[in-house]
Protein backbone atom coordinates (compact mmCIF):
# COMPACT_ATOMS: atom_id res chain seq x y z
CA MET A 1 -14.33 206.83 72.97
CA CYS A 2 -16.94 204.08 74.01
CA ILE A 3 -17.23 200.73 72.41
CA TRP A 4 -20.53 199.74 74.05
CA PRO A 5 -23.68 200.70 72.19
CA GLU A 6 -26.66 202.04 74.35
CA LEU A 7 -28.93 199.22 75.89
CA SER A 8 -32.37 199.76 74.75
CA GLU A 9 -35.19 199.11 77.16
CA VAL A 10 -36.64 196.52 74.79
CA LEU A 11 -33.54 194.52 75.09
CA ARG A 12 -32.99 194.86 78.83
CA PRO A 13 -33.50 192.10 81.00
CA SER A 14 -35.28 192.40 84.18
CA HIS A 15 -31.87 191.67 86.28
CA VAL A 16 -28.46 190.71 86.15
CA TYR A 17 -27.86 186.88 86.46
CA VAL A 18 -25.10 186.19 88.54
CA PRO A 19 -25.14 182.18 89.36
CA GLY A 20 -25.30 181.28 92.91
CA LYS A 21 -26.71 184.88 93.71
CA THR A 22 -29.59 185.96 91.39
CA PRO A 23 -32.29 184.04 89.81
CA ARG A 24 -31.70 182.66 86.20
CA HIS A 25 -33.76 184.49 83.37
CA PRO A 26 -36.88 182.32 82.00
CA GLU A 27 -35.94 179.71 79.57
CA GLY A 28 -36.04 181.09 76.00
CA TRP A 29 -36.01 184.81 76.92
CA PHE A 30 -33.01 185.53 74.55
CA ASP A 31 -34.27 183.42 71.74
CA ASP A 32 -35.57 186.24 69.58
CA ILE A 33 -32.25 188.27 69.87
CA LYS A 34 -30.24 185.08 69.18
CA SER A 35 -32.54 184.37 66.11
CA THR A 36 -31.33 187.50 64.43
CA VAL A 37 -28.11 185.81 63.54
CA ASP A 38 -29.32 184.33 60.23
CA PRO A 39 -27.52 181.18 58.87
CA VAL A 40 -26.97 182.83 55.61
CA ASP A 41 -25.06 185.83 56.99
CA LEU A 42 -21.69 186.42 55.80
CA PRO A 43 -19.42 186.58 58.82
CA ALA A 44 -18.20 190.10 57.99
CA ALA A 45 -21.71 191.35 58.52
CA LEU A 46 -22.27 189.56 61.87
CA HIS A 47 -21.77 193.00 63.70
CA GLN A 48 -24.95 194.18 62.16
CA THR A 49 -27.26 191.72 63.90
CA GLN A 50 -29.27 192.48 66.83
CA ALA A 51 -27.40 189.56 68.73
CA PHE A 52 -23.83 191.24 68.37
CA GLN A 53 -25.19 194.73 69.28
CA ALA A 54 -27.07 193.46 72.17
CA GLY A 55 -24.01 191.62 73.35
CA LEU A 56 -21.94 194.65 73.23
CA ALA A 57 -24.62 196.54 74.93
CA TYR A 58 -24.90 193.94 77.60
CA LEU A 59 -21.17 193.82 78.17
CA GLY A 60 -21.00 197.62 78.59
CA ALA A 61 -24.07 197.48 81.07
CA GLY A 62 -22.87 195.05 83.27
CA TYR A 63 -25.05 192.01 81.98
CA PHE A 64 -22.11 189.56 81.77
CA TRP A 65 -23.99 186.37 81.56
CA GLU A 66 -26.41 187.79 79.22
CA CYS A 67 -23.64 189.03 76.93
CA HIS A 68 -22.23 185.42 76.71
CA GLU A 69 -25.57 183.97 76.05
CA VAL A 70 -26.18 186.13 72.89
CA LEU A 71 -22.84 186.25 71.57
CA GLU A 72 -22.55 182.67 71.48
CA ALA A 73 -25.06 182.88 68.64
CA VAL A 74 -22.68 185.21 66.65
CA TRP A 75 -19.68 183.09 67.57
CA MET A 76 -21.16 179.99 66.20
CA ARG A 77 -21.27 181.76 62.74
CA THR A 78 -17.71 182.87 62.48
CA ALA A 79 -15.05 181.09 60.40
CA ASP A 80 -12.60 178.99 62.19
CA PRO A 81 -9.83 180.40 62.27
CA SER A 82 -10.42 184.14 61.69
CA ALA A 83 -10.22 187.45 63.31
CA GLU A 84 -14.04 187.62 63.75
CA ARG A 85 -14.04 184.40 65.63
CA ASP A 86 -11.28 185.68 67.91
CA LEU A 87 -12.73 188.84 68.53
CA VAL A 88 -16.10 187.41 69.57
CA GLN A 89 -14.33 185.01 71.82
CA ALA A 90 -12.67 187.78 73.37
CA LEU A 91 -15.82 189.54 74.08
CA ILE A 92 -17.23 186.30 75.55
CA GLN A 93 -14.29 185.72 77.75
CA LEU A 94 -14.27 189.47 78.96
CA ALA A 95 -17.71 188.97 79.99
CA ASN A 96 -16.93 185.89 81.77
CA ALA A 97 -14.13 187.52 83.27
CA ARG A 98 -16.20 190.34 84.58
CA LEU A 99 -18.93 187.78 85.84
CA LYS A 100 -16.35 185.68 87.70
CA LEU A 101 -15.20 189.11 89.57
CA LEU A 102 -18.91 189.45 90.58
CA MET A 103 -18.91 185.75 91.93
CA GLU A 104 -15.64 186.53 93.75
CA ARG A 105 -13.47 183.93 91.71
CA PRO A 106 -10.28 186.15 91.18
CA ARG A 107 -8.38 183.40 89.97
CA ALA A 108 -11.12 182.30 87.32
CA ALA A 109 -10.99 186.05 86.22
CA LEU A 110 -7.48 186.22 85.91
CA ARG A 111 -7.36 182.88 83.67
CA LEU A 112 -10.12 184.49 81.47
CA CYS A 113 -8.28 187.79 81.07
CA ASN A 114 -5.15 185.85 80.03
CA MET A 115 -7.53 184.07 77.46
CA VAL A 116 -8.85 187.29 76.17
CA GLN A 117 -5.43 188.79 75.75
CA ALA A 118 -4.47 185.68 73.57
CA HIS A 119 -7.55 186.12 71.48
CA LEU A 120 -6.81 189.72 70.82
CA ALA A 121 -3.34 189.23 70.03
CA ARG A 122 -4.53 187.12 66.93
CA CYS A 123 -6.70 190.24 65.82
CA PRO A 124 -5.36 192.94 63.51
CA ALA A 125 -4.36 195.91 65.68
CA ASP A 126 -4.77 198.51 62.93
CA VAL A 127 -8.28 197.79 61.56
CA PRO A 128 -11.67 197.24 63.32
CA VAL A 129 -12.87 193.70 63.43
CA LEU A 130 -16.77 193.50 63.20
CA GLY A 131 -16.71 197.31 63.89
CA VAL A 132 -14.78 196.81 66.96
CA ARG A 133 -11.49 198.82 67.60
CA ILE A 134 -8.90 196.22 69.06
CA ASP A 135 -7.14 198.82 71.00
CA LEU A 136 -10.28 199.94 72.79
CA LEU A 137 -11.04 196.36 73.64
CA GLN A 138 -7.57 196.15 74.89
CA ARG A 139 -8.44 199.15 77.25
CA GLU A 140 -11.49 197.38 78.59
CA LEU A 141 -9.21 194.29 79.40
CA GLN A 142 -6.88 196.44 81.36
CA VAL A 143 -9.72 198.07 83.26
CA THR A 144 -10.82 194.49 84.25
CA ARG A 145 -7.33 193.42 85.14
CA SER A 146 -7.02 196.87 87.34
CA GLU A 147 -10.15 195.92 88.98
CA LEU A 148 -8.91 192.50 89.65
CA ASN A 149 -5.75 193.79 91.25
CA MET A 150 -7.51 196.31 93.50
CA HIS A 151 -9.94 194.02 94.87
CA TYR A 152 -7.94 190.66 95.15
CA LYS A 153 -4.31 191.51 96.03
CA ALA A 154 -2.24 188.37 96.07
């Protein structure tokens, strides 16, 4: 079972941004997506926003910096502390870990993987959080750790 929604052509950036390797997106490119997080949205409904869905799709499609960019707007609307906040932070840090792999920074990627694990440990394992099954996200974390181990042997 895949946890990443399909990325629509409307939301697809022209390229993957990798700091130091590819050009940054134009200022404001993601503003319309981020603005779908309404200040009056209940935290439990954040998964229904375009920003959350785009963030998941970006993560699944390899747009890691872009994922962080749009999910930050969702994260800012979560209660602290809450399972929703930990889930969104886990998603953002997983995207950051994968971005660090693209940037060939394995130690940073490993540190971020450990942060993801800590966030997920605070989420209930038996019920989805914002519609995301924690066990499936744990598997995605293991895939990232495997890639890290495969490419960067100590």
